[in-house]
């Protein structure tokens, strides 16, 4: 299993690692400032985890109304911390799940 620090080191790579799930690939692309690619991946993940990433991405773009919709779909309250903290929480969560 990859750790958060190993995942962060992989951000130096040109592409996300093949073993990464779509959840982690979306967050990898987000860390590379490719919001569109991250969003395209997230919107094709039909579960609460995909909705969480979707919410985060809309929060990041400043569309709080849309973000709140996706937080509800994810079964979560709006994240009140920084975007960086939420990103780390998601990566850690998905790594722990083996996603």
Protein backbone atom coordinates (compact mmCIF):
# COMPACT_ATOMS: atom_id res chain seq x y z
CA UNK A 1 0.00 0.00 0.00
CA UNK A 2 1.19 3.48 -0.83
CA UNK A 3 1.46 6.05 1.96
CA UNK A 4 0.45 9.70 1.72
CA UNK A 5 4.10 10.72 1.50
CA UNK A 6 4.73 8.20 -1.29
CA UNK A 7 1.67 9.45 -3.14
CA UNK A 8 2.92 13.03 -2.77
CA UNK A 9 6.33 11.97 -4.13
CA UNK A 10 4.57 10.47 -7.16
CA UNK A 11 3.42 13.98 -8.01
CA UNK A 12 6.91 14.45 -9.48
CA UNK A 13 6.08 11.81 -12.11
CA UNK A 14 4.72 12.78 -15.51
CA UNK A 15 1.65 10.54 -15.19
CA UNK A 16 -0.19 8.94 -12.29
CA UNK A 17 0.92 5.41 -11.52
CA UNK A 18 -1.03 2.64 -13.20
CA UNK A 19 -1.90 1.02 -9.88
CA UNK A 20 -3.80 4.12 -8.72
CA UNK A 21 -7.57 3.91 -8.67
CA UNK A 22 -9.66 6.47 -10.50
CA UNK A 23 -10.18 8.22 -7.15
CA UNK A 24 -6.45 8.67 -6.66
CA UNK A 25 -5.86 9.52 -10.31
CA UNK A 26 -8.41 12.35 -10.07
CA UNK A 27 -6.62 13.77 -7.03
CA UNK A 28 -3.24 13.31 -8.71
CA UNK A 29 -4.41 15.37 -11.70
CA UNK A 30 -5.91 17.97 -9.38
CA UNK A 31 -2.51 18.35 -7.70
CA UNK A 32 -1.11 19.01 -11.19
CA UNK A 33 -3.56 21.91 -11.61
CA UNK A 34 -5.52 19.98 -14.22
CA UNK A 35 -9.00 20.65 -12.82
CA UNK A 36 -10.75 19.54 -16.00
CA UNK A 37 -9.06 16.13 -16.13
CA UNK A 38 -9.69 15.60 -12.39
CA UNK A 39 -13.33 16.61 -12.84
CA UNK A 40 -13.80 14.35 -15.88
CA UNK A 41 -12.54 11.37 -13.87
CA UNK A 42 -14.54 12.24 -10.73
CA UNK A 43 -17.84 12.67 -12.53
CA UNK A 44 -17.51 9.14 -13.91
CA UNK A 45 -17.14 7.57 -10.43
CA UNK A 46 -20.74 6.69 -9.48
CA UNK A 47 -20.38 6.41 -5.71
CA UNK A 48 -20.07 8.57 -2.62
CA UNK A 49 -16.27 8.79 -2.90
CA UNK A 50 -16.55 10.13 -6.43
CA UNK A 51 -19.13 12.63 -5.19
CA UNK A 52 -16.73 13.74 -2.45
CA UNK A 53 -14.02 14.51 -5.00
CA UNK A 54 -16.61 16.22 -7.17
CA UNK A 55 -17.65 18.39 -4.19
CA UNK A 56 -14.04 19.29 -3.43
CA UNK A 57 -13.38 20.27 -7.04
CA UNK A 58 -16.41 22.56 -7.18
CA UNK A 59 -15.42 24.05 -3.83
CA UNK A 60 -11.96 24.67 -5.27
CA UNK A 61 -13.41 26.47 -8.29
CA UNK A 62 -15.53 28.64 -5.98
CA UNK A 63 -18.93 27.17 -6.89
CA UNK A 64 -20.15 26.54 -3.34
CA UNK A 65 -23.76 25.88 -4.37
CA UNK A 66 -22.68 23.04 -6.66
CA UNK A 67 -20.13 21.82 -4.12
CA UNK A 68 -22.83 21.60 -1.44
CA UNK A 69 -24.97 19.49 -3.76
CA UNK A 70 -22.09 17.03 -4.23
CA UNK A 71 -21.28 16.98 -0.52
CA UNK A 72 -24.89 15.92 0.09
CA UNK A 73 -24.54 13.20 -2.58
CA UNK A 74 -21.38 12.07 -0.81
CA UNK A 75 -23.21 11.92 2.53
CA UNK A 76 -20.81 14.49 3.98
CA UNK A 77 -20.93 17.93 5.49
CA UNK A 78 -19.08 20.73 3.71
CA UNK A 79 -15.40 20.54 4.60
CA UNK A 80 -14.50 23.53 6.74
CA UNK A 81 -10.70 23.28 6.56
CA UNK A 82 -8.35 24.30 3.80
CA UNK A 83 -8.45 22.79 0.34
CA UNK A 84 -5.02 21.31 1.02
CA UNK A 85 -6.27 19.61 4.18
CA UNK A 86 -9.29 18.19 2.39
CA UNK A 87 -7.10 16.91 -0.45
CA UNK A 88 -4.82 15.16 2.06
CA UNK A 89 -7.83 13.71 3.91
CA UNK A 90 -9.23 12.28 0.69
CA UNK A 91 -5.90 10.79 -0.42
CA UNK A 92 -5.36 9.26 3.01
CA UNK A 93 -8.89 7.87 3.08
CA UNK A 94 -8.67 6.33 -0.39
CA UNK A 95 -5.21 4.89 0.28
CA UNK A 96 -6.50 3.29 3.51
CA UNK A 97 -9.39 1.77 1.56
CA UNK A 98 -6.94 0.31 -0.91
CA UNK A 99 -8.63 2.41 -3.61
